[in-house]
Amino acid sequence: MIRKSLRSTARKALVLAAAGATGLAGVVVLSGTAVAATTLGASAAESGRYFGTAVAANRLSETDYVGVLNAEFNSVTPENEMKWDALEPSRGSFTFANADRIVTQARGRGVSVRGHTLVWHQQLPGWVGGLDTTNLRSAMTNHINQVMGHWRGQIHSWDVVNEAFEENGTRRQSAFQQRLGNGYIEEAFRAARAADANAKLCYNDYNTDGQNAKSNAVFAMVQDFKSRGVPIDCVGFQSHFNAQSPVPSDYRANLQRFANLGVDVQITELDIEGSGTAQANNYRTVTETCLAISRCTGITVWGVTDKYSWRPNGTPLLFDGNYDKKPAYTAVLTALNGGTTPPDDPPPTGDGCTATVSTNQWQGGFVGTVRVTAGATAVSRWTVAITLPSGAVVVNSWNANRSANSGAIQFANAAHNGSIAPGQYAEFGYQGTGTGTGVTPTCTAS
């Protein structure tokens, strides 16, 4: 297992109701009827869960990144922007701008935000380590109050304390442990509840996916907290897997025992090294595990694309470096849909290409995902024509080059996705303001 410190930093009706309330992407709508949930967030929402991703503020200016983010995920977690060194680089001086950018972008789409993280031994500014007991306790409480207060009512759940245990189950000898003692975790959770009464309060850690000394220690702490009324609502399991540390055989049983204590369980930083069928099968196992536990409320993958993963050589995410969907993506989507793959377009006939669009509409904005399917012969280049309703304006597009921002728009293939084998497909997307539903795409090929 690679440790996190190495990081560089009635079903159809429910789909429609969720899409209208929270801006979920990927519900195909034909004449007002939900046909299929075709994206991760929309599919997870059918069972009342979220499927999220970690987000970096400096990537929000990249069109392809934002396109996949908006189309697929209904929860976000800032990668580094809410850690102590980013928010309070000097004592009492807070810088919220980068994290605010992520929160604003997410809430503008109606999706939830996980706060990560309030108290952690890593990514601390230097001034924290030099504090004595009294000043460290005061600084910790003030940091929790100021940070949670800034986003009060806007954050669904917080990783209040992160990675406080060693592999053998003992307490990590961080500055907090050494100066404040065993009680600091409880102090942090009580301060967090006072700072925001409605946010879910989580403990988060890695290498706790199966039953072992570390997970046993976390379990004992949560059990003690619940018995004494210490506010804790959820436990996060990071679930970083690879060939050396595969999904453990007791993964489900371990998560279930925590859920039996009366807390939600969340898979918070999922990434699985590998490729092809093996990687896909592992992702399917994790997804099915969460679906099998009623108190598993959601899954977050740690990153949008392999291109920016903290484990880039392991290609551990659902989208490759070109933002194309990997077999692991299909495995997750199929699992979220209860083992059913969303219906494909009818088998191709004749030459040329066809295009279909699924539109995610929320108040004031939309995302369209277009599938271009080759006919009985291969396609080397394609163009899709779409006429948007009056007042709709495209502000981003990905995996295609567009001719205009409103009205009649031509989308031509990008360099990497013009060639489509017979019966196969490529996808592109666009994001806009206004109303984007009711469009009929037409495709021409050469």
Protein backbone atom coordinates (compact mmCIF):
# COMPACT_ATOMS: atom_id res chain seq x y z
CA MET A 1 0.00 0.00 0.00
CA ILE A 2 1.39 3.42 -0.93
CA ARG A 3 0.80 5.79 1.92
CA LYS A 4 -1.16 8.96 1.52
CA SER A 5 1.70 11.09 2.89
CA LEU A 6 3.51 10.40 -0.39
CA ARG A 7 0.91 12.38 -2.25
CA SER A 8 2.27 15.49 -3.90
CA THR A 9 -0.08 17.22 -2.13
CA ALA A 10 -39.82 3.69 -7.47
CA ARG A 11 -36.40 3.91 -9.29
CA LYS A 12 -36.97 6.03 -12.43
CA ALA A 13 -38.98 8.59 -10.49
CA LEU A 14 -36.19 8.86 -7.97
CA VAL A 15 -33.69 9.56 -10.75
CA LEU A 16 -35.79 12.40 -12.11
CA ALA A 17 -36.43 13.84 -8.66
CA ALA A 18 -32.74 13.67 -7.74
CA ALA A 19 -31.70 15.21 -11.03
CA GLY A 20 -34.04 18.12 -10.56
CA ALA A 21 -33.00 18.69 -6.96
CA THR A 22 -29.25 18.31 -7.13
CA GLY A 23 -28.11 18.77 -10.69
CA LEU A 24 -27.06 15.18 -11.23
CA ALA A 25 -25.54 14.41 -14.59
CA GLY A 26 -26.36 11.58 -16.93
CA VAL A 27 -30.09 11.03 -16.87
CA VAL A 28 -31.17 10.42 -20.44
CA VAL A 29 -34.49 12.23 -20.89
CA LEU A 30 -36.84 11.47 -23.78
CA SER A 31 -40.25 13.19 -23.69
CA GLY A 32 -39.95 13.64 -19.94
CA THR A 33 -39.27 9.97 -19.17
CA ALA A 34 -36.08 8.67 -17.57
CA VAL A 35 -34.64 5.95 -19.78
CA ALA A 36 -31.34 5.22 -18.05
CA ALA A 37 -28.82 6.68 -15.67
CA THR A 38 -25.68 6.86 -17.76
CA THR A 39 -23.17 8.56 -15.46
CA LEU A 40 -21.62 7.67 -12.13
CA GLY A 41 -23.31 10.36 -10.06
CA ALA A 42 -26.78 9.79 -11.46
CA SER A 43 -26.48 6.03 -11.11
CA ALA A 44 -25.29 6.28 -7.50
CA ALA A 45 -28.13 8.68 -6.69
CA GLU A 46 -30.68 6.03 -7.62
CA SER A 47 -29.78 4.23 -4.38
CA GLY A 48 -29.44 7.46 -2.38
CA ARG A 49 -25.65 7.51 -2.59
CA TYR A 50 -23.05 9.81 -4.10
CA PHE A 51 -20.16 9.05 -6.43
CA GLY A 52 -17.55 11.77 -6.05
CA THR A 53 -14.02 12.72 -6.94
CA ALA A 54 -11.14 14.71 -5.53
CA VAL A 55 -10.72 18.08 -7.24
CA ALA A 56 -7.76 20.44 -7.63
CA ALA A 57 -8.59 24.13 -7.95
CA ASN A 58 -5.81 24.76 -10.45
CA ARG A 59 -7.42 22.26 -12.86
CA LEU A 60 -10.77 24.05 -12.99
CA SER A 61 -9.57 26.14 -15.92
CA GLU A 62 -8.96 23.00 -18.03
CA THR A 63 -11.89 22.31 -20.30
CA ASP A 64 -11.65 18.51 -20.46
CA TYR A 65 -11.15 18.25 -16.71
CA VAL A 66 -14.19 20.36 -15.90
CA GLY A 67 -16.24 18.63 -18.55
CA VAL A 68 -15.75 15.17 -17.06
CA LEU A 69 -16.10 16.53 -13.52
CA ASN A 70 -19.43 18.17 -14.29
CA ALA A 71 -20.80 15.29 -16.32
CA GLU A 72 -19.93 12.38 -14.02
CA PHE A 73 -19.70 13.25 -10.33
CA ASN A 74 -22.23 14.41 -7.75
CA SER A 75 -19.80 15.01 -4.89
CA VAL A 76 -16.38 16.65 -4.69
CA THR A 77 -13.53 16.68 -2.18
CA PRO A 78 -10.76 19.30 -2.42
CA GLU A 79 -7.43 17.54 -2.86
CA ASN A 80 -5.24 19.95 -0.88
CA GLU A 81 -7.09 23.26 -0.70
CA MET A 82 -8.71 22.63 2.69
CA LYS A 83 -5.61 21.32 4.46
CA TRP A 84 -4.11 23.38 7.25
CA ASP A 85 -1.10 24.73 5.35
CA ALA A 86 -3.34 25.93 2.52
CA LEU A 87 -5.94 27.61 4.73
CA GLU A 88 -3.89 29.02 7.65
CA PRO A 89 -0.28 29.46 6.52
CA SER A 90 0.38 31.83 9.42
CA ARG A 91 -1.40 31.77 12.74
CA GLY A 92 -4.78 33.47 12.61
CA SER A 93 -4.41 34.44 8.93
CA PHE A 94 -6.74 32.44 6.68
CA THR A 95 -6.72 32.14 2.89
CA PHE A 96 -9.93 30.60 1.55
CA ALA A 97 -9.81 31.62 -2.12
CA ASN A 98 -8.70 28.34 -3.74
CA ALA A 99 -11.03 26.20 -1.65
CA ASP A 100 -13.86 28.69 -2.21
CA ARG A 101 -13.40 28.19 -5.94
CA ILE A 102 -14.06 24.47 -5.59
CA VAL A 103 -17.02 24.95 -3.24
CA THR A 104 -18.60 27.61 -5.45
CA GLN A 105 -18.19 25.49 -8.58
CA ALA A 106 -19.73 22.45 -6.87
CA ARG A 107 -22.63 24.25 -5.24
CA GLY A 108 -23.37 26.03 -8.49
CA ARG A 109 -24.09 22.57 -9.91
CA GLY A 110 -26.01 21.48 -6.84
CA VAL A 111 -23.57 18.76 -5.80
CA SER A 112 -22.27 18.06 -2.30
CA VAL A 113 -18.82 18.83 -0.87
CA ARG A 114 -16.72 16.76 1.54
CA GLY A 115 -14.32 18.82 3.66
CA HIS A 116 -10.80 17.39 3.85
CA THR A 117 -9.23 17.75 6.39
CA LEU A 118 -9.25 19.67 9.71
CA VAL A 119 -6.65 17.93 11.91
CA TRP A 120 -3.84 15.95 10.26
CA HIS A 121 -0.18 15.47 11.10
CA GLN A 122 0.87 16.19 7.49
CA GLN A 123 0.77 19.46 5.51
CA LEU A 124 0.92 21.56 8.64
CA PRO A 125 2.52 25.01 8.44
CA GLY A 126 5.76 25.22 10.38
CA TRP A 127 4.36 27.44 13.11
CA VAL A 128 2.04 24.69 14.39
CA GLY A 129 4.87 22.35 15.38
CA GLY A 130 6.47 25.00 17.58
CA LEU A 131 3.45 25.58 19.83
CA ASP A 132 3.29 24.46 23.44
CA THR A 133 0.32 22.50 24.82
CA THR A 134 -1.87 25.49 25.67
CA ASN A 135 -1.25 27.28 22.41
CA LEU A 136 -1.66 24.15 20.29
CA ARG A 137 -5.02 23.36 21.87
CA SER A 138 -6.14 26.93 21.28
CA ALA A 139 -4.85 26.90 17.69
CA MET A 140 -6.55 23.60 16.89
CA THR A 141 -9.90 24.76 18.26
CA ASN A 142 -9.64 28.10 16.52
CA HIS A 143 -8.71 26.46 13.22
CA ILE A 144 -11.75 24.19 13.40
CA ASN A 145 -14.04 27.09 14.35
CA GLN A 146 -12.79 29.42 11.64
CA VAL A 147 -12.70 26.88 8.83
CA MET A 148 -16.02 25.21 9.56
CA GLY A 149 -17.58 28.57 10.30
CA HIS A 150 -16.51 29.92 6.93
CA TRP A 151 -18.42 27.15 5.13
CA ARG A 152 -21.13 26.52 7.72
CA GLY A 153 -24.11 24.94 6.02
CA GLN A 154 -22.20 24.34 2.76
CA ILE A 155 -20.17 21.20 3.54
CA HIS A 156 -21.94 17.85 3.67
CA SER A 157 -19.28 16.06 5.73
CA TRP A 158 -15.85 16.79 7.20
CA ASP A 159 -12.82 14.58 7.77
CA VAL A 160 -12.34 16.02 11.24
CA VAL A 161 -9.28 13.95 12.14
CA ASN A 162 -7.16 12.14 9.58
CA GLU A 163 -4.71 9.23 9.98
CA ALA A 164 -4.20 9.30 13.73
CA PHE A 165 -3.16 5.65 14.10
CA GLU A 166 -0.05 3.65 13.21
CA GLU A 167 -0.16 0.26 11.51
CA ASN A 168 0.18 -1.58 14.83
CA GLY A 169 -2.86 0.20 16.27
CA THR A 170 -0.99 2.65 18.48
CA ARG A 171 -1.53 6.39 18.30
CA ARG A 172 0.64 8.22 15.78
CA GLN A 173 3.09 10.44 17.66
CA SER A 174 2.08 13.65 15.95
CA ALA A 175 2.40 17.09 17.51
CA PHE A 176 -1.25 16.80 18.56
CA GLN A 177 -0.73 13.42 20.23
CA GLN A 178 2.50 14.42 21.95
CA ARG A 179 1.24 17.71 23.37
CA LEU A 180 -2.50 17.16 23.80
CA GLY A 181 -2.57 13.44 24.59
CA ASN A 182 -5.18 10.81 23.76
CA GLY A 183 -8.04 13.24 24.25
CA TYR A 184 -7.25 15.46 21.26
CA ILE A 185 -9.39 13.48 18.81
CA GLU A 186 -12.42 13.77 21.05
CA GLU A 187 -11.69 17.48 21.55
CA ALA A 188 -11.56 17.98 17.80
CA PHE A 189 -14.88 16.24 17.22
CA ARG A 190 -16.62 18.18 20.00
CA ALA A 191 -15.26 21.45 18.62
CA ALA A 192 -16.43 20.47 15.14
CA ARG A 193 -19.97 19.75 16.32
CA ALA A 194 -20.09 23.15 18.03
CA ALA A 195 -18.81 24.83 14.84
CA ASP A 196 -21.43 23.27 12.53
CA ALA A 197 -24.30 21.34 14.05
CA ASN A 198 -25.47 19.90 10.73
CA ALA A 199 -22.29 18.72 9.01
CA LYS A 200 -21.46 15.01 9.16
CA LEU A 201 -18.30 14.45 11.21
CA CYS A 202 -15.95 11.69 10.02
CA TYR A 203 -12.73 9.98 11.05
CA ASN A 204 -10.63 9.04 7.98
CA ASP A 205 -7.67 6.66 7.57
CA TYR A 206 -5.81 4.30 5.21
CA ASN A 207 -4.93 0.60 5.53
CA THR A 208 -8.11 0.08 7.54
CA ASP A 209 -10.02 -1.67 4.76
CA GLY A 210 -9.70 -5.14 6.27
CA GLN A 211 -9.71 -6.23 9.89
CA ASN A 212 -6.22 -5.67 11.31
CA ALA A 213 -4.51 -4.01 14.26
CA LYS A 214 -5.06 -0.54 12.85
CA SER A 215 -8.72 -0.97 11.92
CA ASN A 216 -9.34 -2.66 15.29
CA ALA A 217 -7.95 0.39 17.07
CA VAL A 218 -10.13 2.74 15.02
CA PHE A 219 -13.12 0.48 15.65
CA ALA A 220 -12.50 0.57 19.41
CA MET A 221 -12.26 4.38 19.33
CA VAL A 222 -15.52 4.76 17.39
CA GLN A 223 -17.24 2.25 19.67
CA ASP A 224 -16.07 4.24 22.70
CA PHE A 225 -17.18 7.55 21.17
CA LYS A 226 -20.65 6.19 20.42
CA SER A 227 -21.02 4.78 23.92
CA ARG A 228 -20.13 8.12 25.54
CA GLY A 229 -22.00 10.43 23.17
CA VAL A 230 -18.93 11.91 21.49
CA PRO A 231 -20.22 13.32 18.18
CA ILE A 232 -19.06 11.12 15.29
CA ASP A 233 -21.23 10.37 12.27
CA CYS A 234 -19.05 8.54 9.78
CA VAL A 235 -15.80 6.68 9.14
CA GLY A 236 -13.85 7.09 5.91
CA PHE A 237 -11.91 4.21 4.35
CA GLN A 238 -9.32 5.46 1.87
CA SER A 239 -9.07 2.19 -0.09
CA HIS A 240 -5.81 2.66 -1.99
CA PHE A 241 -5.31 -0.75 -3.64
CA ASN A 242 -2.67 -2.33 -5.88
CA ALA A 243 -1.30 -5.77 -6.73
CA GLN A 244 0.61 -5.95 -3.43
CA SER A 245 -2.37 -4.72 -1.40
CA PRO A 246 -5.51 -5.97 -3.16
CA VAL A 247 -9.08 -5.58 -1.96
CA PRO A 248 -9.10 -7.70 1.24
CA SER A 249 -11.40 -10.69 1.45
CA ASP A 250 -13.05 -9.29 4.59
CA TYR A 251 -13.58 -5.80 3.11
CA ARG A 252 -17.36 -5.99 3.30
CA ALA A 253 -17.40 -7.57 6.75
CA ASN A 254 -15.04 -4.93 8.08
CA LEU A 255 -17.06 -1.99 6.75
CA GLN A 256 -20.25 -3.62 7.99
CA ARG A 257 -18.98 -3.93 11.56
CA PHE A 258 -18.36 -0.18 11.62
CA ALA A 259 -21.82 0.47 10.19
CA ASN A 260 -23.24 -1.74 12.95
CA LEU A 261 -21.92 0.78 15.48
CA GLY A 262 -24.39 3.31 14.10
CA VAL A 263 -22.08 5.37 11.88
CA ASP A 264 -22.10 5.84 8.13
CA VAL A 265 -19.18 4.41 6.20
CA GLN A 266 -17.72 6.15 3.17
CA ILE A 267 -15.06 5.08 0.67
CA THR A 268 -13.17 8.34 0.58
CA GLU A 269 -10.02 8.17 -1.57
CA LEU A 270 -10.43 5.18 -3.84
CA ASP A 271 -7.79 4.44 -6.44
CA ILE A 272 -6.77 1.02 -7.72
CA GLU A 273 -3.56 0.52 -9.65
CA GLY A 274 -3.65 -1.64 -12.77
CA SER A 275 -5.48 -1.80 -16.06
CA GLY A 276 -7.95 -3.79 -18.10
CA THR A 277 -10.09 -6.57 -16.68
CA ALA A 278 -8.17 -6.98 -13.42
CA GLN A 279 -8.55 -3.35 -12.49
CA ALA A 280 -12.17 -3.35 -13.60
CA ASN A 281 -12.97 -6.37 -11.42
CA ASN A 282 -11.43 -4.74 -8.36
CA TYR A 283 -13.40 -1.54 -8.92
CA ARG A 284 -16.55 -3.64 -9.32
CA THR A 285 -15.86 -5.39 -6.02
CA VAL A 286 -15.47 -2.11 -4.16
CA THR A 287 -18.64 -0.65 -5.67
CA GLU A 288 -20.70 -3.75 -4.97
CA THR A 289 -19.38 -3.75 -1.40
CA CYS A 290 -20.66 -0.24 -0.80
CA LEU A 291 -24.02 -1.04 -2.38
CA ALA A 292 -24.39 -4.08 -0.13
CA ILE A 293 -24.06 -1.99 3.05
CA SER A 294 -27.05 0.24 3.73
CA ARG A 295 -24.95 2.74 5.68
CA CYS A 296 -22.29 3.06 2.98
CA THR A 297 -23.37 6.47 1.73
CA GLY A 298 -20.92 7.05 -1.10
CA ILE A 299 -17.66 6.53 -2.93
CA THR A 300 -15.02 9.12 -3.83
CA VAL A 301 -12.24 8.33 -6.30
CA TRP A 302 -9.06 10.28 -5.67
CA GLY A 303 -8.87 12.19 -8.91
CA VAL A 304 -10.62 12.69 -12.23
CA THR A 305 -7.95 11.36 -14.60
CA ASP A 306 -4.77 9.25 -14.55
CA LYS A 307 -3.06 12.31 -16.01
CA TYR A 308 -3.06 14.03 -12.61
CA SER A 309 -3.18 11.11 -10.19
CA TRP A 310 -0.72 11.07 -7.29
CA ARG A 311 0.03 7.50 -8.49
CA PRO A 312 0.40 8.24 -12.23
CA ASN A 313 2.56 5.21 -13.03
CA GLY A 314 -0.14 2.96 -11.62
CA THR A 315 -2.92 4.41 -13.84
CA PRO A 316 -5.35 3.96 -10.93
CA LEU A 317 -8.43 5.98 -11.97
CA LEU A 318 -11.52 5.55 -14.14
CA PHE A 319 -10.48 7.94 -16.92
CA ASP A 320 -7.15 7.70 -18.73
CA GLY A 321 -4.85 10.58 -19.58
CA ASN A 322 -7.00 11.50 -22.58
CA TYR A 323 -10.16 11.51 -20.42
CA ASP A 324 -11.41 8.37 -22.14
CA LYS A 325 -13.42 5.90 -20.08
CA LYS A 326 -11.54 2.77 -19.03
CA PRO A 327 -12.97 -0.73 -18.52
CA ALA A 328 -13.02 0.10 -14.81
CA TYR A 329 -15.48 2.90 -15.50
CA THR A 330 -17.87 0.53 -17.24
CA ALA A 331 -17.54 -1.96 -14.39
CA VAL A 332 -18.43 0.69 -11.81
CA LEU A 333 -21.35 2.06 -13.82
CA THR A 334 -22.73 -1.43 -14.38
CA ALA A 335 -22.46 -2.21 -10.67
CA LEU A 336 -24.19 1.03 -9.73
CA ASN A 337 -26.98 0.15 -12.14
CA GLY A 338 -27.54 -3.17 -10.40
CA GLY A 339 -25.58 -5.22 -12.89
CA THR A 340 -27.26 -3.69 -15.92
CA THR A 341 -25.26 -1.75 -18.49
CA PRO A 342 -27.17 1.29 -19.79
CA PRO A 343 -28.64 0.49 -23.21
CA ASP A 344 -26.47 1.29 -26.20
CA ASP A 345 -27.75 2.83 -29.37
CA PRO A 346 -29.34 0.43 -31.91
CA PRO A 347 -26.86 -1.61 -33.97
CA PRO A 348 -25.47 0.50 -36.78
CA THR A 349 -26.71 0.14 -40.33
CA GLY A 350 -25.34 1.77 -43.46
CA ASP A 351 -22.37 4.06 -43.67
CA GLY A 352 -21.65 7.34 -41.89
CA CYS A 353 -22.39 8.01 -38.23
CA THR A 354 -25.21 8.71 -35.82
CA ALA A 355 -25.27 10.90 -32.72
CA THR A 356 -27.32 10.85 -29.52
CA VAL A 357 -27.23 13.30 -26.61
CA SER A 358 -27.96 12.98 -22.90
CA THR A 359 -28.55 16.28 -21.12
CA ASN A 360 -28.13 17.11 -17.45
CA GLN A 361 -30.13 20.27 -16.74
CA TRP A 362 -30.04 22.23 -13.51
CA GLN A 363 -31.29 25.66 -12.64
CA GLY A 364 -29.34 28.07 -14.84
CA GLY A 365 -27.07 25.56 -16.57
CA PHE A 366 -26.60 22.22 -18.27
CA VAL A 367 -24.13 19.61 -19.47
CA GLY A 368 -24.66 17.66 -22.68
CA THR A 369 -22.86 14.38 -23.43
CA VAL A 370 -22.91 13.31 -27.07
CA ARG A 371 -22.17 9.79 -28.31
CA VAL A 372 -20.98 9.52 -31.93
CA THR A 373 -21.41 5.99 -33.30
CA ALA A 374 -19.90 4.74 -36.54
CA GLY A 375 -22.07 2.79 -38.95
CA ALA A 376 -21.13 -0.38 -40.79
CA THR A 377 -17.89 1.18 -42.03
CA ALA A 378 -15.10 2.97 -40.18
CA VAL A 379 -15.15 6.74 -39.66
CA SER A 380 -11.96 8.82 -39.85
CA ARG A 381 -13.50 12.24 -39.16
CA TRP A 382 -16.89 13.35 -37.92
CA THR A 383 -18.91 16.50 -37.30
CA VAL A 384 -22.02 16.84 -35.16
CA ALA A 385 -24.48 19.69 -35.63
CA ILE A 386 -26.60 20.87 -32.70
CA THR A 387 -28.95 23.83 -32.50
CA LEU A 388 -29.38 25.06 -28.94
CA PRO A 389 -32.54 26.73 -27.66
CA SER A 390 -32.67 30.52 -27.62
CA GLY A 391 -30.68 31.98 -24.73
CA ALA A 392 -28.47 28.92 -24.22
CA VAL A 393 -24.74 29.61 -24.37
CA VAL A 394 -21.93 27.03 -24.36
CA VAL A 395 -19.06 28.00 -22.06
CA ASN A 396 -16.95 24.81 -22.23
CA SER A 397 -16.63 21.78 -24.46
CA TRP A 398 -14.31 18.78 -24.40
CA ASN A 399 -13.13 16.09 -26.78
CA ALA A 400 -14.38 18.18 -29.74
CA ASN A 401 -13.75 21.52 -31.45
CA ARG A 402 -16.80 23.78 -31.64
CA SER A 403 -17.62 26.45 -34.21
CA ALA A 404 -19.75 28.76 -32.05
CA ASN A 405 -21.13 29.27 -28.55
CA SER A 406 -24.86 29.55 -29.23
CA GLY A 407 -27.53 28.79 -31.82
CA ALA A 408 -26.39 26.38 -34.53
CA ILE A 409 -23.07 24.82 -33.46
CA GLN A 410 -20.79 22.42 -35.31
CA PHE A 411 -18.69 20.09 -33.14
CA ALA A 412 -15.78 18.50 -35.01
CA ASN A 413 -13.70 15.63 -33.66
CA ALA A 414 -10.53 16.28 -31.69
CA ALA A 415 -7.21 14.89 -32.89
CA HIS A 416 -7.43 11.76 -30.74
CA ASN A 417 -11.04 10.64 -31.33
CA GLY A 418 -11.80 11.16 -35.04
CA SER A 419 -11.16 7.55 -35.98
CA ILE A 420 -14.02 5.22 -34.96
CA ALA A 421 -14.18 1.54 -35.89
CA PRO A 422 -17.42 0.12 -37.33
CA GLY A 423 -20.12 -0.04 -34.66
CA GLN A 424 -17.92 1.65 -32.07
CA TYR A 425 -18.34 5.13 -30.60
CA ALA A 426 -16.60 8.23 -29.30
CA GLU A 427 -18.03 10.77 -26.88
CA PHE A 428 -17.69 14.51 -26.38
CA GLY A 429 -19.43 16.99 -24.16
CA TYR A 430 -20.32 20.60 -23.61
CA GLN A 431 -21.38 22.79 -20.70
CA GLY A 432 -23.53 25.87 -20.93
CA THR A 433 -25.81 28.37 -19.29
CA GLY A 434 -29.55 28.57 -19.82
CA THR A 435 -31.65 25.64 -20.99
CA GLY A 436 -29.96 22.94 -23.06
CA THR A 437 -32.69 20.29 -23.37
CA GLY A 438 -34.69 19.39 -26.45
CA VAL A 439 -31.81 19.30 -28.95
CA THR A 440 -31.51 16.80 -31.80
CA PRO A 441 -27.92 16.18 -32.99
CA THR A 442 -27.07 15.19 -36.55
CA CYS A 443 -23.80 13.54 -37.55
CA THR A 444 -21.80 13.58 -40.76
CA ALA A 445 -18.66 11.53 -41.34
CA SER A 446 -15.81 11.11 -43.74
